[in-house]
C-alpha atoms as a PDB file:
ATOM      1  CA  UNK A   1       4.183  -5.858  -1.140  1.00  0.00           C
ATOM      2  CA  UNK A   2       4.707  -6.240  -4.868  1.00  0.00           C
ATOM      3  CA  UNK A   3       2.486  -7.474  -7.690  1.00  0.00           C
ATOM      4  CA  UNK A   4       3.377  -9.481 -10.772  1.00  0.00           C
ATOM      5  CA  UNK A   5       0.836  -9.205 -13.580  1.00  0.00           C
ATOM      6  CA  UNK A   6       0.366 -11.724 -16.381  1.00  0.00           C
ATOM      7  CA  UNK A   7      -2.316 -11.895 -19.058  1.00  0.00           C
ATOM      8  CA  UNK A   8      -3.134 -15.008 -21.060  1.00  0.00           C
ATOM      9  CA  UNK A   9      -5.514 -16.712 -23.452  1.00  0.00           C
ATOM     10  CA  UNK A  10      -6.399 -19.963 -21.675  1.00  0.00           C
ATOM     11  CA  UNK A  11      -7.811 -20.456 -18.190  1.00  0.00           C
ATOM     12  CA  UNK A  12      -6.954 -24.140 -17.980  1.00  0.00           C
ATOM     13  CA  UNK A  13      -3.222 -23.657 -17.450  1.00  0.00           C
ATOM     14  CA  UNK A  14      -3.480 -20.961 -14.789  1.00  0.00           C
ATOM     15  CA  UNK A  15      -6.240 -22.738 -12.818  1.00  0.00           C
ATOM     16  CA  UNK A  16      -4.224 -25.968 -12.802  1.00  0.00           C
ATOM     17  CA  UNK A  17      -1.221 -23.966 -11.618  1.00  0.00           C
ATOM     18  CA  UNK A  18      -2.853 -22.229  -8.673  1.00  0.00           C
ATOM     19  CA  UNK A  19      -4.966 -25.194  -7.514  1.00  0.00           C
ATOM     20  CA  UNK A  20      -2.095 -27.581  -6.944  1.00  0.00           C
ATOM     21  CA  UNK A  21      -1.742 -29.971  -4.000  1.00  0.00           C
ATOM     22  CA  UNK A  22       2.060 -29.807  -4.231  1.00  0.00           C
ATOM     23  CA  UNK A  23       1.883 -26.118  -3.348  1.00  0.00           C
ATOM     24  CA  UNK A  24      -0.470 -26.866  -0.415  1.00  0.00           C
ATOM     25  CA  UNK A  25      -2.967 -24.491  -1.989  1.00  0.00           C
ATOM     26  CA  UNK A  26      -5.640 -22.886   0.131  1.00  0.00           C
ATOM     27  CA  UNK A  27      -8.599 -21.292  -1.675  1.00  0.00           C
ATOM     28  CA  UNK A  28      -9.236 -18.109   0.306  1.00  0.00           C
ATOM     29  CA  UNK A  29     -11.957 -16.414  -1.716  1.00  0.00           C
ATOM     30  CA  UNK A  30     -13.904 -16.740  -4.970  1.00  0.00           C
ATOM     31  CA  UNK A  31     -16.860 -15.182  -6.725  1.00  0.00           C
ATOM     32  CA  UNK A  32     -19.012 -16.114  -9.732  1.00  0.00           C
ATOM     33  CA  UNK A  33     -17.478 -19.551 -10.166  1.00  0.00           C
ATOM     34  CA  UNK A  34     -18.666 -23.125  -9.729  1.00  0.00           C
ATOM     35  CA  UNK A  35     -16.141 -24.488  -7.224  1.00  0.00           C
ATOM     36  CA  UNK A  36     -17.067 -28.175  -7.434  1.00  0.00           C
ATOM     37  CA  UNK A  37     -13.798 -29.074  -9.207  1.00  0.00           C
ATOM     38  CA  UNK A  38     -10.975 -27.587 -11.223  1.00  0.00           C
ATOM     39  CA  UNK A  39     -12.756 -28.408 -14.449  1.00  0.00           C
ATOM     40  CA  UNK A  40     -15.921 -26.626 -13.276  1.00  0.00           C
ATOM     41  CA  UNK A  41     -13.873 -23.548 -12.319  1.00  0.00           C
ATOM     42  CA  UNK A  42     -12.223 -23.541 -15.735  1.00  0.00           C
ATOM     43  CA  UNK A  43     -15.520 -23.935 -17.579  1.00  0.00           C
ATOM     44  CA  UNK A  44     -17.090 -21.097 -15.571  1.00  0.00           C
ATOM     45  CA  UNK A  45     -14.309 -18.761 -16.674  1.00  0.00           C
ATOM     46  CA  UNK A  46     -14.563 -19.869 -20.317  1.00  0.00           C
ATOM     47  CA  UNK A  47     -18.341 -19.454 -20.482  1.00  0.00           C
ATOM     48  CA  UNK A  48     -18.159 -15.843 -19.340  1.00  0.00           C
ATOM     49  CA  UNK A  49     -15.162 -15.029 -21.554  1.00  0.00           C
ATOM     50  CA  UNK A  50     -17.199 -16.152 -24.580  1.00  0.00           C
ATOM     51  CA  UNK A  51     -19.517 -13.187 -23.959  1.00  0.00           C
ATOM     52  CA  UNK A  52     -16.846 -10.937 -25.498  1.00  0.00           C
ATOM     53  CA  UNK A  53     -14.788 -12.576 -28.240  1.00  0.00           C
ATOM     54  CA  UNK A  54     -12.948  -9.313 -28.942  1.00  0.00           C
ATOM     55  CA  UNK A  55     -10.837  -9.832 -25.813  1.00  0.00           C
ATOM     56  CA  UNK A  56      -7.942 -11.959 -27.093  1.00  0.00           C
ATOM     57  CA  UNK A  57      -6.437 -12.416 -23.612  1.00  0.00           C
ATOM     58  CA  UNK A  58      -9.286 -12.809 -21.114  1.00  0.00           C
ATOM     59  CA  UNK A  59      -7.098 -14.326 -18.380  1.00  0.00           C
ATOM     60  CA  UNK A  60      -5.920 -11.994 -15.660  1.00  0.00           C
ATOM     61  CA  UNK A  61      -3.343 -13.486 -13.266  1.00  0.00           C
ATOM     62  CA  UNK A  62      -1.729 -11.443 -10.500  1.00  0.00           C
ATOM     63  CA  UNK A  63       0.658 -12.675  -7.832  1.00  0.00           C
ATOM     64  CA  UNK A  64       0.744 -10.541  -4.679  1.00  0.00           C
ATOM     65  CA  UNK A  65       4.005 -11.126  -2.837  1.00  0.00           C
ATOM     66  CA  UNK A  66       4.725  -9.975   0.702  1.00  0.00           C
ATOM     67  CA  UNK A  67       7.871  -9.725   2.805  1.00  0.00           C
ATOM     68  CA  UNK A  68       8.790 -12.655   5.026  1.00  0.00           C
ATOM     69  CA  UNK A  69       9.012 -10.099   7.835  1.00  0.00           C
ATOM     70  CA  UNK A  70       5.199  -9.766   7.710  1.00  0.00           C
ATOM     71  CA  UNK A  71       4.562 -13.510   7.934  1.00  0.00           C
ATOM     72  CA  UNK A  72       3.104 -13.414  11.457  1.00  0.00           C
ATOM     73  CA  UNK A  73       0.504 -10.745  10.711  1.00  0.00           C
ATOM     74  CA  UNK A  74      -0.568 -12.109   7.312  1.00  0.00           C
ATOM     75  CA  UNK A  75      -3.506 -14.321   8.222  1.00  0.00           C
ATOM     76  CA  UNK A  76      -5.723 -15.607   5.441  1.00  0.00           C
ATOM     77  CA  UNK A  77      -8.426 -13.084   6.330  1.00  0.00           C
ATOM     78  CA  UNK A  78      -5.939 -10.205   6.284  1.00  0.00           C
ATOM     79  CA  UNK A  79      -4.567 -11.231   2.883  1.00  0.00           C
ATOM     80  CA  UNK A  80      -8.077 -11.433   1.417  1.00  0.00           C
ATOM     81  CA  UNK A  81      -8.806  -7.937   2.734  1.00  0.00           C
ATOM     82  CA  UNK A  82      -5.668  -6.585   1.063  1.00  0.00           C
ATOM     83  CA  UNK A  83      -6.420  -8.441  -2.184  1.00  0.00           C
ATOM     84  CA  UNK A  84      -9.957  -7.059  -2.384  1.00  0.00           C
ATOM     85  CA  UNK A  85      -8.698  -3.542  -1.743  1.00  0.00           C
ATOM     86  CA  UNK A  86      -6.070  -4.027  -4.468  1.00  0.00           C
ATOM     87  CA  UNK A  87      -8.661  -5.274  -6.979  1.00  0.00           C
ATOM     88  CA  UNK A  88     -11.020  -2.383  -6.273  1.00  0.00           C
ATOM     89  CA  UNK A  89      -8.272   0.197  -6.811  1.00  0.00           C
ATOM     90  CA  UNK A  90      -7.154  -1.570 -10.011  1.00  0.00           C
ATOM     91  CA  UNK A  91     -10.708  -1.534 -11.395  1.00  0.00           C
ATOM     92  CA  UNK A  92     -11.070  -5.325 -11.183  1.00  0.00           C
ATOM     93  CA  UNK A  93     -14.711  -5.318 -10.140  1.00  0.00           C
ATOM     94  CA  UNK A  94     -17.982  -7.014 -11.075  1.00  0.00           C
ATOM     95  CA  UNK A  95     -16.244 -10.066 -12.477  1.00  0.00           C
ATOM     96  CA  UNK A  96     -15.317 -13.661 -11.668  1.00  0.00           C
ATOM     97  CA  UNK A  97     -12.233 -14.253  -9.560  1.00  0.00           C
ATOM     98  CA  UNK A  98     -10.492 -16.730  -7.337  1.00  0.00           C
ATOM     99  CA  UNK A  99      -7.852 -16.031  -4.679  1.00  0.00           C
ATOM    100  CA  UNK A 100      -5.506 -18.841  -3.630  1.00  0.00           C
ATOM    101  CA  UNK A 101      -2.623 -18.920  -1.158  1.00  0.00           C
ATOM    102  CA  UNK A 102       0.527 -20.955  -1.838  1.00  0.00           C
ATOM    103  CA  UNK A 103       3.123 -22.182   0.640  1.00  0.00           C
ATOM    104  CA  UNK A 104       5.938 -23.162  -1.759  1.00  0.00           C
ATOM    105  CA  UNK A 105       8.084 -20.067  -1.067  1.00  0.00           C
ATOM    106  CA  UNK A 106       9.731 -18.538   1.965  1.00  0.00           C
ATOM    107  CA  UNK A 107       7.680 -15.352   1.653  1.00  0.00           C
ATOM    108  CA  UNK A 108       3.858 -15.209   1.943  1.00  0.00           C
ATOM    109  CA  UNK A 109       2.062 -14.792  -1.368  1.00  0.00           C
ATOM    110  CA  UNK A 110      -1.317 -15.238  -2.989  1.00  0.00           C
ATOM    111  CA  UNK A 111      -2.492 -15.708  -6.566  1.00  0.00           C
ATOM    112  CA  UNK A 112      -5.435 -13.817  -7.969  1.00  0.00           C
ATOM    113  CA  UNK A 113      -7.020 -15.117 -11.187  1.00  0.00           C
ATOM    114  CA  UNK A 114      -9.851 -13.070 -12.691  1.00  0.00           C
ATOM    115  CA  UNK A 115     -11.851 -12.820 -15.884  1.00  0.00           C
ATOM    116  CA  UNK A 116     -11.069  -9.725 -17.954  1.00  0.00           C
ATOM    117  CA  UNK A 117     -14.563 -10.067 -19.396  1.00  0.00           C
ATOM    118  CA  UNK A 118     -16.816  -8.860 -16.609  1.00  0.00           C
ATOM    119  CA  UNK A 119     -20.277 -10.119 -15.666  1.00  0.00           C
ATOM    120  CA  UNK A 120     -21.868  -7.821 -18.280  1.00  0.00           C
ATOM    121  CA  UNK A 121     -19.546  -8.810 -21.102  1.00  0.00           C
ATOM    122  CA  UNK A 122     -17.497  -5.618 -20.868  1.00  0.00           C
ATOM    123  CA  UNK A 123     -13.712  -5.518 -20.918  1.00  0.00           C
ATOM    124  CA  UNK A 124     -11.757  -4.796 -17.753  1.00  0.00           C
ATOM    125  CA  UNK A 125      -9.104  -2.346 -18.919  1.00  0.00           C
ATOM    126  CA  UNK A 126      -5.422  -3.145 -18.578  1.00  0.00           C
ATOM    127  CA  UNK A 127      -4.301   0.355 -19.587  1.00  0.00           C
ATOM    128  CA  UNK A 128      -1.093   1.288 -17.757  1.00  0.00           C
ATOM    129  CA  UNK A 129      -1.765  -1.570 -15.350  1.00  0.00           C
ATOM    130  CA  UNK A 130       1.912  -2.022 -14.420  1.00  0.00           C
ATOM    131  CA  UNK A 131       2.343   1.609 -13.381  1.00  0.00           C
ATOM    132  CA  UNK A 132      -1.013   1.731 -11.613  1.00  0.00           C
ATOM    133  CA  UNK A 133      -0.226  -1.497  -9.795  1.00  0.00           C
ATOM    134  CA  UNK A 134       3.155  -0.242  -8.594  1.00  0.00           C
ATOM    135  CA  UNK A 135       1.582   2.889  -7.165  1.00  0.00           C
ATOM    136  CA  UNK A 136      -1.270   0.976  -5.527  1.00  0.00           C
ATOM    137  CA  UNK A 137       1.109  -1.555  -3.952  1.00  0.00           C
ATOM    138  CA  UNK A 138       3.011   1.283  -2.297  1.00  0.00           C
ATOM    139  CA  UNK A 139      -0.225   2.817  -1.050  1.00  0.00           C
ATOM    140  CA  UNK A 140      -1.452  -0.472   0.417  1.00  0.00           C
ATOM    141  CA  UNK A 141       1.932  -1.245   1.952  1.00  0.00           C
ATOM    142  CA  UNK A 142       1.708   2.030   3.843  1.00  0.00           C
ATOM    143  CA  UNK A 143      -2.011   1.702   4.629  1.00  0.00           C
ATOM    144  CA  UNK A 144      -1.705  -1.757   6.189  1.00  0.00           C
ATOM    145  CA  UNK A 145       1.631  -1.185   7.907  1.00  0.00           C
ATOM    146  CA  UNK A 146       3.521  -3.753   5.842  1.00  0.00           C
ATOM    147  CA  UNK A 147       7.273  -3.987   5.496  1.00  0.00           C
ATOM    148  CA  UNK A 148       8.513  -1.903   2.593  1.00  0.00           C
ATOM    149  CA  UNK A 149      11.073  -3.943   0.667  1.00  0.00           C
ATOM    150  CA  UNK A 150      13.320  -1.888  -1.647  1.00  0.00           C
ATOM    151  CA  UNK A 151      14.393  -2.985  -5.088  1.00  0.00           C
ATOM    152  CA  UNK A 152      15.271  -6.639  -5.459  1.00  0.00           C
ATOM    153  CA  UNK A 153      16.404  -7.321  -1.912  1.00  0.00           C
ATOM    154  CA  UNK A 154      14.138 -10.371  -1.519  1.00  0.00           C
ATOM    155  CA  UNK A 155      15.325 -12.144  -4.659  1.00  0.00           C
ATOM    156  CA  UNK A 156      16.809 -15.579  -3.970  1.00  0.00           C
ATOM    157  CA  UNK A 157      19.710 -15.537  -6.430  1.00  0.00           C
ATOM    158  CA  UNK A 158      20.543 -19.226  -6.031  1.00  0.00           C
ATOM    159  CA  UNK A 159      17.064 -20.122  -7.303  1.00  0.00           C
ATOM    160  CA  UNK A 160      17.206 -18.019 -10.451  1.00  0.00           C
ATOM    161  CA  UNK A 161      17.382 -19.641 -13.864  1.00  0.00           C
ATOM    162  CA  UNK A 162      18.506 -18.155 -17.164  1.00  0.00           C
ATOM    163  CA  UNK A 163      18.002 -15.572 -18.441  1.00  0.00           C
ATOM    164  CA  UNK A 164      16.932 -14.096 -15.075  1.00  0.00           C
ATOM    165  CA  UNK A 165      20.197 -15.217 -13.461  1.00  0.00           C
ATOM    166  CA  UNK A 166      22.270 -13.155 -15.910  1.00  0.00           C
ATOM    167  CA  UNK A 167      19.877 -10.203 -15.709  1.00  0.00           C
ATOM    168  CA  UNK A 168      20.300 -10.113 -11.945  1.00  0.00           C
ATOM    169  CA  UNK A 169      24.107 -10.234 -12.310  1.00  0.00           C
ATOM    170  CA  UNK A 170      23.900  -7.197 -14.593  1.00  0.00           C
ATOM    171  CA  UNK A 171      21.593  -5.497 -12.090  1.00  0.00           C
ATOM    172  CA  UNK A 172      24.118  -6.008  -9.269  1.00  0.00           C
ATOM    173  CA  UNK A 173      26.978  -4.750 -11.450  1.00  0.00           C
ATOM    174  CA  UNK A 174      25.090  -1.580 -12.403  1.00  0.00           C
ATOM    175  CA  UNK A 175      23.968  -0.982  -8.840  1.00  0.00           C
ATOM    176  CA  UNK A 176      27.604  -1.034  -7.715  1.00  0.00           C
ATOM    177  CA  UNK A 177      29.242   0.703 -10.682  1.00  0.00           C
ATOM    178  CA  UNK A 178      26.915   3.583 -11.596  1.00  0.00           C
ATOM    179  CA  UNK A 179      27.389   5.480  -8.292  1.00  0.00           C
ATOM    180  CA  UNK A 180      31.178   5.195  -8.680  1.00  0.00           C
ATOM    181  CA  UNK A 181      31.479   6.530 -12.247  1.00  0.00           C
ATOM    182  CA  UNK A 182      31.335  10.077 -13.577  1.00  0.00           C
ATOM    183  CA  UNK A 183      30.794   9.412 -17.283  1.00  0.00           C
ATOM    184  CA  UNK A 184      29.814   6.686 -19.724  1.00  0.00           C
ATOM    185  CA  UNK A 185      33.429   5.918 -20.641  1.00  0.00           C
ATOM    186  CA  UNK A 186      34.249   5.007 -17.055  1.00  0.00           C
ATOM    187  CA  UNK A 187      31.070   2.965 -16.687  1.00  0.00           C
ATOM    188  CA  UNK A 188      31.624   1.030 -19.917  1.00  0.00           C
ATOM    189  CA  UNK A 189      35.189   0.214 -18.856  1.00  0.00           C
ATOM    190  CA  UNK A 190      34.070  -0.972 -15.411  1.00  0.00           C
ATOM    191  CA  UNK A 191      31.241  -3.111 -16.807  1.00  0.00           C
ATOM    192  CA  UNK A 192      33.583  -4.675 -19.342  1.00  0.00           C
ATOM    193  CA  UNK A 193      35.888  -5.661 -16.497  1.00  0.00           C
ATOM    194  CA  UNK A 194      32.889  -7.517 -15.058  1.00  0.00           C
ATOM    195  CA  UNK A 195      32.187  -9.286 -18.354  1.00  0.00           C
ATOM    196  CA  UNK A 196      29.360  -7.005 -19.493  1.00  0.00           C
ATOM    197  CA  UNK A 197      29.275  -5.314 -22.904  1.00  0.00           C
ATOM    198  CA  UNK A 198      27.439  -2.032 -23.471  1.00  0.00           C
ATOM    199  CA  UNK A 199      25.795  -0.762 -26.652  1.00  0.00           C
ATOM    200  CA  UNK A 200      23.596   2.239 -27.389  1.00  0.00           C
ATOM    201  CA  UNK A 201      20.446   2.808 -29.392  1.00  0.00           C
ATOM    202  CA  UNK A 202      20.528   6.013 -31.415  1.00  0.00           C
ATOM    203  CA  UNK A 203      17.707   8.244 -32.591  1.00  0.00           C
ATOM    204  CA  UNK A 204      17.300   7.874 -36.358  1.00  0.00           C
ATOM    205  CA  UNK A 205      20.327   9.097 -38.282  1.00  0.00           C
ATOM    206  CA  UNK A 206      21.126  11.835 -35.790  1.00  0.00           C
ATOM    207  CA  UNK A 207      23.504   9.751 -33.719  1.00  0.00           C
ATOM    208  CA  UNK A 208      21.777  11.025 -30.575  1.00  0.00           C
ATOM    209  CA  UNK A 209      21.707   8.324 -27.910  1.00  0.00           C
ATOM    210  CA  UNK A 210      18.283   7.428 -26.543  1.00  0.00           C
ATOM    211  CA  UNK A 211      18.674   3.910 -25.209  1.00  0.00           C
ATOM    212  CA  UNK A 212      21.218   1.474 -23.781  1.00  0.00           C
ATOM    213  CA  UNK A 213      21.520  -2.300 -23.826  1.00  0.00           C
ATOM    214  CA  UNK A 214      23.753  -4.628 -21.813  1.00  0.00           C
ATOM    215  CA  UNK A 215      25.010  -8.069 -22.838  1.00  0.00           C
ATOM    216  CA  UNK A 216      26.438 -10.930 -20.796  1.00  0.00           C
ATOM    217  CA  UNK A 217      26.597 -14.705 -21.285  1.00  0.00           C
ATOM    218  CA  UNK A 218      24.913 -14.298 -24.666  1.00  0.00           C
ATOM    219  CA  UNK A 219      21.869 -12.550 -23.199  1.00  0.00           C
ATOM    220  CA  UNK A 220      20.975  -8.949 -24.012  1.00  0.00           C
ATOM    221  CA  UNK A 221      18.757  -6.670 -21.914  1.00  0.00           C
ATOM    222  CA  UNK A 222      17.631  -3.109 -22.372  1.00  0.00           C
ATOM    223  CA  UNK A 223      18.648  -1.031 -19.371  1.00  0.00           C
ATOM    224  CA  UNK A 224      15.032  -0.380 -18.376  1.00  0.00           C
ATOM    225  CA  UNK A 225      14.337  -4.143 -18.450  1.00  0.00           C
ATOM    226  CA  UNK A 226      17.156  -4.787 -15.985  1.00  0.00           C
ATOM    227  CA  UNK A 227      15.505  -2.216 -13.722  1.00  0.00           C
ATOM    228  CA  UNK A 228      13.644   1.011 -14.359  1.00  0.00           C
ATOM    229  CA  UNK A 229      16.353   3.029 -12.644  1.00  0.00           C
ATOM    230  CA  UNK A 230      18.840   1.812 -15.289  1.00  0.00           C
ATOM    231  CA  UNK A 231      17.225   3.287 -18.383  1.00  0.00           C
ATOM    232  CA  UNK A 232      19.603   5.370 -20.508  1.00  0.00           C
ATOM    233  CA  UNK A 233      18.167   8.703 -19.322  1.00  0.00           C
ATOM    234  CA  UNK A 234      18.335   7.789 -15.631  1.00  0.00           C
ATOM    235  CA  UNK A 235      21.887   6.420 -15.818  1.00  0.00           C
ATOM    236  CA  UNK A 236      22.991   9.486 -17.785  1.00  0.00           C
ATOM    237  CA  UNK A 237      21.429  11.783 -15.191  1.00  0.00           C
ATOM    238  CA  UNK A 238      23.187   9.943 -12.351  1.00  0.00           C
ATOM    239  CA  UNK A 239      26.575  10.026 -14.082  1.00  0.00           C
ATOM    240  CA  UNK A 240      26.281  13.787 -14.659  1.00  0.00           C
ATOM    241  CA  UNK A 241      25.238  14.235 -11.044  1.00  0.00           C
ATOM    242  CA  UNK A 242      28.260  12.220  -9.881  1.00  0.00           C
ATOM    243  CA  UNK A 243      30.564  14.415 -11.983  1.00  0.00           C
ATOM    244  CA  UNK A 244      29.032  17.646 -10.634  1.00  0.00           C
ATOM    245  CA  UNK A 245      29.321  16.447  -7.060  1.00  0.00           C
ATOM    246  CA  UNK A 246      32.955  15.487  -7.630  1.00  0.00           C
ATOM    247  CA  UNK A 247      33.776  18.973  -9.021  1.00  0.00           C
ATOM    248  CA  UNK A 248      32.014  20.627  -6.098  1.00  0.00           C
ATOM    249  CA  UNK A 249      33.849  18.401  -3.639  1.00  0.00           C
ATOM    250  CA  UNK A 250      37.224  19.217  -5.213  1.00  0.00           C
ATOM    251  CA  UNK A 251      36.465  22.963  -5.131  1.00  0.00           C
ATOM    252  CA  UNK A 252      35.453  22.715  -1.500  1.00  0.00           C
ATOM    253  CA  UNK A 253      38.643  20.851  -0.634  1.00  0.00           C
ATOM    254  CA  UNK A 254      40.779  23.433  -2.500  1.00  0.00           C
ATOM    255  CA  UNK A 255      39.060  26.289  -0.693  1.00  0.00           C
ATOM    256  CA  UNK A 256      39.631  24.494   2.583  1.00  0.00           C
ATOM    257  CA  UNK A 257      43.342  24.043   1.845  1.00  0.00           C
ATOM    258  CA  UNK A 258      43.699  27.740   0.919  1.00  0.00           C
ATOM    259  CA  UNK A 259      41.946  28.791   4.097  1.00  0.00           C
ATOM    260  CA  UNK A 260      44.204  26.513   6.124  1.00  0.00           C
ATOM    261  CA  UNK A 261      47.363  27.970   4.517  1.00  0.00           C
ATOM    262  CA  UNK A 262      46.172  31.515   5.178  1.00  0.00           C
ATOM    263  CA  UNK A 263      45.428  30.632   8.787  1.00  0.00           C
ATOM    264  CA  UNK A 264      48.880  29.135   9.240  1.00  0.00           C
ATOM    265  CA  UNK A 265      50.497  32.225   7.690  1.00  0.00           C
ATOM    266  CA  UNK A 266      48.514  34.512   9.963  1.00  0.00           C
ATOM    267  CA  UNK A 267      49.401  32.455  12.995  1.00  0.00           C
ATOM    268  CA  UNK A 268      53.097  32.529  12.129  1.00  0.00           C
ATOM    269  CA  UNK A 269      52.901  36.274  11.633  1.00  0.00           C
ATOM    270  CA  UNK A 270      51.417  36.709  15.073  1.00  0.00           C
ATOM    271  CA  UNK A 271      53.981  34.368  16.561  1.00  0.00           C
ATOM    272  CA  UNK A 272      56.921  36.270  15.084  1.00  0.00           C
ATOM    273  CA  UNK A 273      55.267  39.634  15.748  1.00  0.00           C
ATOM    274  CA  UNK A 274      55.801  40.731  12.192  1.00  0.00           C
ATOM    275  CA  UNK A 275      54.058  44.100  12.151  1.00  0.00           C
ATOM    276  CA  UNK A 276      54.664  47.271  10.120  1.00  0.00           C
ATOM    277  CA  UNK A 277      57.111  49.685  11.735  1.00  0.00           C
ATOM    278  CA  UNK A 278      58.572  46.966  13.906  1.00  0.00           C
ATOM    279  CA  UNK A 279      61.941  46.749  12.244  1.00  0.00           C
ATOM    280  CA  UNK A 280      60.765  44.475   9.409  1.00  0.00           C
ATOM    281  CA  UNK A 281      61.844  44.909   5.805  1.00  0.00           C
ATOM    282  CA  UNK A 282      61.438  42.791   2.678  1.00  0.00           C
ATOM    283  CA  UNK A 283      64.941  41.394   2.936  1.00  0.00           C
ATOM    284  CA  UNK A 284      64.320  39.986   6.384  1.00  0.00           C
ATOM    285  CA  UNK A 285      62.151  37.113   7.513  1.00  0.00           C
ATOM    286  CA  UNK A 286      62.162  37.972  11.210  1.00  0.00           C
ATOM    287  CA  UNK A 287      61.983  41.099  13.389  1.00  0.00           C
ATOM    288  CA  UNK A 288      65.301  42.913  13.252  1.00  0.00           C
ATOM    289  CA  UNK A 289      66.797  44.449  16.383  1.00  0.00           C
ATOM    290  CA  UNK A 290      69.988  46.561  16.342  1.00  0.00           C
ATOM    291  CA  UNK A 291      72.588  45.055  18.691  1.00  0.00           C
ATOM    292  CA  UNK A 292      73.707  47.204  21.606  1.00  0.00           C
ATOM    293  CA  UNK A 293      77.140  48.725  21.267  1.00  0.00           C
ATOM    294  CA  UNK A 294      79.595  47.419  23.774  1.00  0.00           C
ATOM    295  CA  UNK A 295      81.477  50.071  25.727  1.00  0.00           C
ATOM    296  CA  UNK A 296      85.182  50.084  25.080  1.00  0.00           C
ATOM    297  CA  UNK A 297      87.151  48.971  28.045  1.00  0.00           C
ATOM    298  CA  UNK A 298      89.692  51.498  29.232  1.00  0.00           C
ATOM    299  CA  UNK A 299      93.047  50.434  30.463  1.00  0.00           C
ATOM    300  CA  UNK A 300      95.511  52.259  32.707  1.00  0.00           C
ATOM    301  CA  UNK A 301      95.090  54.606  35.640  1.00  0.00           C
ATOM    302  CA  UNK A 302      92.092  56.796  35.473  1.00  0.00           C
ATOM    303  CA  UNK A 303      92.620  60.419  36.513  1.00  0.00           C
END
């Protein structure tokens, strides 16, 4: 389960988007709205938003997307239950909302539109909403036994348009290259081979690097915008970790080789019975044994 959050100024566009016959929309739940028509829904939102003119973006729009692997269990009632739990944890309470299910994608998903001006004219806070939402989605995924999709595994690349298409190409390149490199020089060289240029953001006049940006096909993206795990600090940490692991691995292999050589030497020593006081000296590489003297043969008659 993942959530995509958008805030806007006008309710007309978002209501027309979610209540669309082409998407085979099903209205699953609503509160505080006149549901006679799309225009009445829109006007209900606008009337309440006018209670607090200080809120420049009163439109709250959240898409809750689920894995296709959960399709069988995601009934309309179950999705509404999850959506209500999500809203409560996000602090989206005591306000107008509408929940609609679309069927224009392979994966199950619903759209939640709510008024950021609540029923008492107070503002529903959006402070750190992206981070809070990410945490809550993980909690609900575990709570309701949903499939936990990692990263961008459910992205349909063939359906992406620019600039998202290029951003996803950069994401794939970084995902493959970062684990294989031990420093920035190696990473920059590998990315360039894949048609991606790298540039750094420095801190004031100090020259200290604090950010990274990648460019391809004329599009530029900060590392953290490609994916949070590709911010400058996180890539730098991973590269240093790769280098440390490589050094440790090399030391382990060297120690193993030395141990093997010593074992072979010891085994050869035992095989050749090279022991002190056994006729061995530094000029010899094997046990030395004095040959027996042959008795001289005597000729003639013995008396």
